[in-house]
């Protein structure tokens, strides 16, 4: 029967104690979060934060928050190993730029859809006006009535000048 990566009776060291070359005590703060079969997790956390700091952080947290804290430390440590200068912030910034670019594309496509609907509405209105004199008077009444003022489900203003700035403002 295994209990947090250790066999009963024989105590195999957790990944942290194995890397630090020390005896793994029964109450080792690292053992539940850094099992022996995942040595890379502690190695990157140790490289970035240091064993002493990780130990202090875990000791200061309530037990129910430690697992989330370790997950966060592992994520940040892996990001720092890949990008020592920016770490997670670099990934977040890159994703934010992608979001901005996609929002700009979406706004442009929505503007195109509105333009196409306007063209379609205008051409259908002009076709109706030329079809018969009765339709022409009916169409002019529709165009003048406040009920037909908003043909589209949403009105949108696209500020093209500021769109390009937001892409390069980071």
C-alpha atoms as a PDB file:
ATOM      1  CA  UNK A   1       0.000   0.000   0.000  1.00  0.00           C
ATOM      2  CA  UNK A   2       1.445   3.370  -0.999  1.00  0.00           C
ATOM      3  CA  UNK A   3       0.966   6.518   1.003  1.00  0.00           C
ATOM      4  CA  UNK A   4       1.971   9.788  -0.725  1.00  0.00           C
ATOM      5  CA  UNK A   5       4.691   8.153  -2.799  1.00  0.00           C
ATOM      6  CA  UNK A   6       6.159   6.080   0.070  1.00  0.00           C
ATOM      7  CA  UNK A   7       5.898   2.405   0.929  1.00  0.00           C
ATOM      8  CA  UNK A   8       4.864   1.510   4.440  1.00  0.00           C
ATOM      9  CA  UNK A   9       7.800   0.309   6.430  1.00  0.00           C
ATOM     10  CA  UNK A  10      10.518   1.372   3.985  1.00  0.00           C
ATOM     11  CA  UNK A  11      10.658   5.123   3.490  1.00  0.00           C
ATOM     12  CA  UNK A  12      11.661   6.114  -0.030  1.00  0.00           C
ATOM     13  CA  UNK A  13      12.611   9.766  -0.274  1.00  0.00           C
ATOM     14  CA  UNK A  14      10.383  12.250  -2.061  1.00  0.00           C
ATOM     15  CA  UNK A  15      11.785  14.039  -5.113  1.00  0.00           C
ATOM     16  CA  UNK A  16      12.821  17.034  -2.986  1.00  0.00           C
ATOM     17  CA  UNK A  17      14.738  15.027  -0.415  1.00  0.00           C
ATOM     18  CA  UNK A  18      16.292  12.892  -3.133  1.00  0.00           C
ATOM     19  CA  UNK A  19      17.553  15.972  -4.991  1.00  0.00           C
ATOM     20  CA  UNK A  20      18.737  17.606  -1.761  1.00  0.00           C
ATOM     21  CA  UNK A  21      20.356  14.290  -0.714  1.00  0.00           C
ATOM     22  CA  UNK A  22      18.787  14.156   2.673  1.00  0.00           C
ATOM     23  CA  UNK A  23      16.733  11.699   4.670  1.00  0.00           C
ATOM     24  CA  UNK A  24      12.986  12.096   4.031  1.00  0.00           C
ATOM     25  CA  UNK A  25      11.183  12.329   7.361  1.00  0.00           C
ATOM     26  CA  UNK A  26       7.648  11.048   7.945  1.00  0.00           C
ATOM     27  CA  UNK A  27       6.406  14.645   8.273  1.00  0.00           C
ATOM     28  CA  UNK A  28       8.339  16.011   5.264  1.00  0.00           C
ATOM     29  CA  UNK A  29       6.536  19.087   3.976  1.00  0.00           C
ATOM     30  CA  UNK A  30       7.633  18.324   0.398  1.00  0.00           C
ATOM     31  CA  UNK A  31       6.557  14.651   0.221  1.00  0.00           C
ATOM     32  CA  UNK A  32       2.826  15.121  -0.534  1.00  0.00           C
ATOM     33  CA  UNK A  33       3.527  17.555  -3.379  1.00  0.00           C
ATOM     34  CA  UNK A  34       6.786  16.312  -4.909  1.00  0.00           C
ATOM     35  CA  UNK A  35       6.538  12.524  -5.278  1.00  0.00           C
ATOM     36  CA  UNK A  36       9.650  10.496  -6.082  1.00  0.00           C
ATOM     37  CA  UNK A  37       8.347   9.583  -9.546  1.00  0.00           C
ATOM     38  CA  UNK A  38       8.185  13.266 -10.616  1.00  0.00           C
ATOM     39  CA  UNK A  39      11.691  14.606  -9.909  1.00  0.00           C
ATOM     40  CA  UNK A  40      11.477  17.292 -12.635  1.00  0.00           C
ATOM     41  CA  UNK A  41       8.763  19.156 -10.685  1.00  0.00           C
ATOM     42  CA  UNK A  42      10.970  19.839  -7.681  1.00  0.00           C
ATOM     43  CA  UNK A  43      14.090  20.337  -9.774  1.00  0.00           C
ATOM     44  CA  UNK A  44      12.631  23.333 -11.622  1.00  0.00           C
ATOM     45  CA  UNK A  45      11.006  24.771  -8.473  1.00  0.00           C
ATOM     46  CA  UNK A  46      14.280  24.403  -6.577  1.00  0.00           C
ATOM     47  CA  UNK A  47      16.246  26.024  -9.406  1.00  0.00           C
ATOM     48  CA  UNK A  48      13.978  29.097  -9.475  1.00  0.00           C
ATOM     49  CA  UNK A  49      12.821  29.541  -5.868  1.00  0.00           C
ATOM     50  CA  UNK A  50      15.247  27.530  -3.750  1.00  0.00           C
ATOM     51  CA  UNK A  51      14.323  24.739  -1.354  1.00  0.00           C
ATOM     52  CA  UNK A  52      14.403  26.975   1.709  1.00  0.00           C
ATOM     53  CA  UNK A  53      11.962  29.498   0.219  1.00  0.00           C
ATOM     54  CA  UNK A  54       9.606  26.764  -0.969  1.00  0.00           C
ATOM     55  CA  UNK A  55       9.733  25.213   2.496  1.00  0.00           C
ATOM     56  CA  UNK A  56       8.896  28.591   4.107  1.00  0.00           C
ATOM     57  CA  UNK A  57       6.032  29.248   1.692  1.00  0.00           C
ATOM     58  CA  UNK A  58       4.510  25.835   2.294  1.00  0.00           C
ATOM     59  CA  UNK A  59       4.883  26.114   6.081  1.00  0.00           C
ATOM     60  CA  UNK A  60       3.081  29.490   6.095  1.00  0.00           C
ATOM     61  CA  UNK A  61       0.079  28.222   4.131  1.00  0.00           C
ATOM     62  CA  UNK A  62      -2.841  26.209   5.466  1.00  0.00           C
ATOM     63  CA  UNK A  63      -2.676  22.605   4.250  1.00  0.00           C
ATOM     64  CA  UNK A  64      -5.732  22.949   1.995  1.00  0.00           C
ATOM     65  CA  UNK A  65      -3.953  25.689  -0.027  1.00  0.00           C
ATOM     66  CA  UNK A  66      -0.574  24.021  -0.396  1.00  0.00           C
ATOM     67  CA  UNK A  67      -1.426  21.882  -3.417  1.00  0.00           C
ATOM     68  CA  UNK A  68      -2.557  24.941  -5.394  1.00  0.00           C
ATOM     69  CA  UNK A  69       0.519  26.865  -4.290  1.00  0.00           C
ATOM     70  CA  UNK A  70       2.800  24.039  -5.464  1.00  0.00           C
ATOM     71  CA  UNK A  71       0.989  23.905  -8.809  1.00  0.00           C
ATOM     72  CA  UNK A  72       1.509  27.650  -9.206  1.00  0.00           C
ATOM     73  CA  UNK A  73       5.178  27.407  -8.243  1.00  0.00           C
ATOM     74  CA  UNK A  74       5.761  24.567 -10.698  1.00  0.00           C
ATOM     75  CA  UNK A  75       4.032  26.512 -13.484  1.00  0.00           C
ATOM     76  CA  UNK A  76       6.009  29.695 -12.767  1.00  0.00           C
ATOM     77  CA  UNK A  77       9.271  27.776 -12.388  1.00  0.00           C
ATOM     78  CA  UNK A  78       8.782  26.015 -15.728  1.00  0.00           C
ATOM     79  CA  UNK A  79       7.962  29.357 -17.368  1.00  0.00           C
ATOM     80  CA  UNK A  80      11.089  30.918 -15.806  1.00  0.00           C
ATOM     81  CA  UNK A  81      13.258  28.051 -17.042  1.00  0.00           C
ATOM     82  CA  UNK A  82      11.920  28.584 -20.595  1.00  0.00           C
ATOM     83  CA  UNK A  83      12.056  32.406 -20.364  1.00  0.00           C
ATOM     84  CA  UNK A  84      14.332  33.575 -17.517  1.00  0.00           C
ATOM     85  CA  UNK A  85      13.541  37.265 -18.005  1.00  0.00           C
ATOM     86  CA  UNK A  86       9.743  37.364 -18.271  1.00  0.00           C
ATOM     87  CA  UNK A  87       8.511  33.955 -17.119  1.00  0.00           C
ATOM     88  CA  UNK A  88       4.706  33.818 -16.953  1.00  0.00           C
ATOM     89  CA  UNK A  89       4.416  37.519 -17.700  1.00  0.00           C
ATOM     90  CA  UNK A  90       5.878  36.944 -21.155  1.00  0.00           C
ATOM     91  CA  UNK A  91       3.302  34.248 -21.884  1.00  0.00           C
ATOM     92  CA  UNK A  92       0.476  36.415 -20.539  1.00  0.00           C
ATOM     93  CA  UNK A  93       1.632  39.403 -22.589  1.00  0.00           C
ATOM     94  CA  UNK A  94       1.816  37.292 -25.733  1.00  0.00           C
ATOM     95  CA  UNK A  95      -1.672  35.927 -25.143  1.00  0.00           C
ATOM     96  CA  UNK A  96      -2.996  39.442 -24.485  1.00  0.00           C
ATOM     97  CA  UNK A  97      -1.551  40.620 -27.803  1.00  0.00           C
ATOM     98  CA  UNK A  98      -3.257  37.700 -29.533  1.00  0.00           C
ATOM     99  CA  UNK A  99      -6.563  38.633 -27.872  1.00  0.00           C
ATOM    100  CA  UNK A 100      -6.182  42.261 -28.996  1.00  0.00           C
ATOM    101  CA  UNK A 101      -5.437  41.202 -32.569  1.00  0.00           C
ATOM    102  CA  UNK A 102      -8.395  38.811 -32.622  1.00  0.00           C
ATOM    103  CA  UNK A 103     -10.715  41.465 -31.176  1.00  0.00           C
ATOM    104  CA  UNK A 104      -9.574  43.839 -33.911  1.00  0.00           C
ATOM    105  CA  UNK A 105     -10.218  41.204 -36.572  1.00  0.00           C
ATOM    106  CA  UNK A 106     -13.640  40.492 -35.063  1.00  0.00           C
ATOM    107  CA  UNK A 107     -14.542  44.196 -35.080  1.00  0.00           C
ATOM    108  CA  UNK A 108     -13.488  44.492 -38.721  1.00  0.00           C
ATOM    109  CA  UNK A 109     -15.501  41.433 -39.738  1.00  0.00           C
ATOM    110  CA  UNK A 110     -18.535  42.727 -37.824  1.00  0.00           C
ATOM    111  CA  UNK A 111     -18.173  46.055 -39.611  1.00  0.00           C
ATOM    112  CA  UNK A 112     -18.039  44.220 -42.943  1.00  0.00           C
ATOM    113  CA  UNK A 113     -21.203  42.300 -42.056  1.00  0.00           C
ATOM    114  CA  UNK A 114     -22.970  45.555 -41.176  1.00  0.00           C
ATOM    115  CA  UNK A 115     -21.780  47.096 -44.453  1.00  0.00           C
ATOM    116  CA  UNK A 116     -23.005  44.080 -46.436  1.00  0.00           C
ATOM    117  CA  UNK A 117     -26.399  44.222 -44.732  1.00  0.00           C
ATOM    118  CA  UNK A 118     -26.609  47.942 -45.437  1.00  0.00           C
ATOM    119  CA  UNK A 119     -25.811  47.327 -49.121  1.00  0.00           C
ATOM    120  CA  UNK A 120     -28.319  44.490 -49.259  1.00  0.00           C
ATOM    121  CA  UNK A 121     -30.998  46.593 -47.551  1.00  0.00           C
ATOM    122  CA  UNK A 122     -30.276  49.591 -49.775  1.00  0.00           C
ATOM    123  CA  UNK A 123     -30.387  47.521 -52.966  1.00  0.00           C
ATOM    124  CA  UNK A 124     -33.599  45.752 -51.932  1.00  0.00           C
ATOM    125  CA  UNK A 125     -35.171  49.096 -51.024  1.00  0.00           C
ATOM    126  CA  UNK A 126     -34.194  50.643 -54.358  1.00  0.00           C
ATOM    127  CA  UNK A 127     -35.454  47.554 -56.242  1.00  0.00           C
ATOM    128  CA  UNK A 128     -38.794  47.825 -54.474  1.00  0.00           C
ATOM    129  CA  UNK A 129     -38.996  51.525 -55.280  1.00  0.00           C
ATOM    130  CA  UNK A 130     -38.515  50.920 -59.006  1.00  0.00           C
ATOM    131  CA  UNK A 131     -40.924  47.973 -59.158  1.00  0.00           C
ATOM    132  CA  UNK A 132     -44.163  49.892 -58.739  1.00  0.00           C
ATOM    133  CA  UNK A 133     -45.430  53.300 -57.697  1.00  0.00           C
ATOM    134  CA  UNK A 134     -47.383  51.772 -54.807  1.00  0.00           C
ATOM    135  CA  UNK A 135     -44.219  50.142 -53.403  1.00  0.00           C
ATOM    136  CA  UNK A 136     -42.281  53.368 -53.840  1.00  0.00           C
ATOM    137  CA  UNK A 137     -44.673  55.328 -51.642  1.00  0.00           C
ATOM    138  CA  UNK A 138     -44.781  52.452 -49.147  1.00  0.00           C
ATOM    139  CA  UNK A 139     -40.946  52.281 -49.051  1.00  0.00           C
ATOM    140  CA  UNK A 140     -40.600  55.992 -48.456  1.00  0.00           C
ATOM    141  CA  UNK A 141     -43.044  55.758 -45.550  1.00  0.00           C
ATOM    142  CA  UNK A 142     -41.002  52.854 -44.090  1.00  0.00           C
ATOM    143  CA  UNK A 143     -37.749  54.777 -44.400  1.00  0.00           C
ATOM    144  CA  UNK A 144     -39.277  57.772 -42.655  1.00  0.00           C
ATOM    145  CA  UNK A 145     -40.894  55.852 -39.796  1.00  0.00           C
ATOM    146  CA  UNK A 146     -38.961  55.611 -36.511  1.00  0.00           C
ATOM    147  CA  UNK A 147     -39.671  51.876 -36.258  1.00  0.00           C
ATOM    148  CA  UNK A 148     -37.469  51.089 -39.254  1.00  0.00           C
ATOM    149  CA  UNK A 149     -34.656  53.420 -38.247  1.00  0.00           C
ATOM    150  CA  UNK A 150     -32.588  50.624 -36.683  1.00  0.00           C
ATOM    151  CA  UNK A 151     -32.491  47.802 -39.242  1.00  0.00           C
ATOM    152  CA  UNK A 152     -29.673  45.961 -37.491  1.00  0.00           C
ATOM    153  CA  UNK A 153     -29.679  44.189 -34.171  1.00  0.00           C
ATOM    154  CA  UNK A 154     -26.629  46.179 -33.077  1.00  0.00           C
ATOM    155  CA  UNK A 155     -25.078  49.476 -34.017  1.00  0.00           C
ATOM    156  CA  UNK A 156     -21.309  49.530 -34.072  1.00  0.00           C
ATOM    157  CA  UNK A 157     -18.719  52.228 -34.444  1.00  0.00           C
ATOM    158  CA  UNK A 158     -15.262  51.081 -35.511  1.00  0.00           C
ATOM    159  CA  UNK A 159     -12.448  53.483 -34.674  1.00  0.00           C
ATOM    160  CA  UNK A 160      -9.818  52.425 -37.227  1.00  0.00           C
ATOM    161  CA  UNK A 161      -7.249  54.997 -36.047  1.00  0.00           C
ATOM    162  CA  UNK A 162      -7.102  53.625 -32.496  1.00  0.00           C
ATOM    163  CA  UNK A 163      -7.268  49.967 -33.504  1.00  0.00           C
ATOM    164  CA  UNK A 164      -3.740  49.908 -34.858  1.00  0.00           C
ATOM    165  CA  UNK A 165      -2.416  51.751 -31.805  1.00  0.00           C
ATOM    166  CA  UNK A 166      -3.777  49.129 -29.397  1.00  0.00           C
ATOM    167  CA  UNK A 167      -1.856  46.407 -31.245  1.00  0.00           C
ATOM    168  CA  UNK A 168       1.456  48.203 -30.717  1.00  0.00           C
ATOM    169  CA  UNK A 169       0.904  49.773 -27.297  1.00  0.00           C
ATOM    170  CA  UNK A 170       2.659  46.983 -25.368  1.00  0.00           C
END
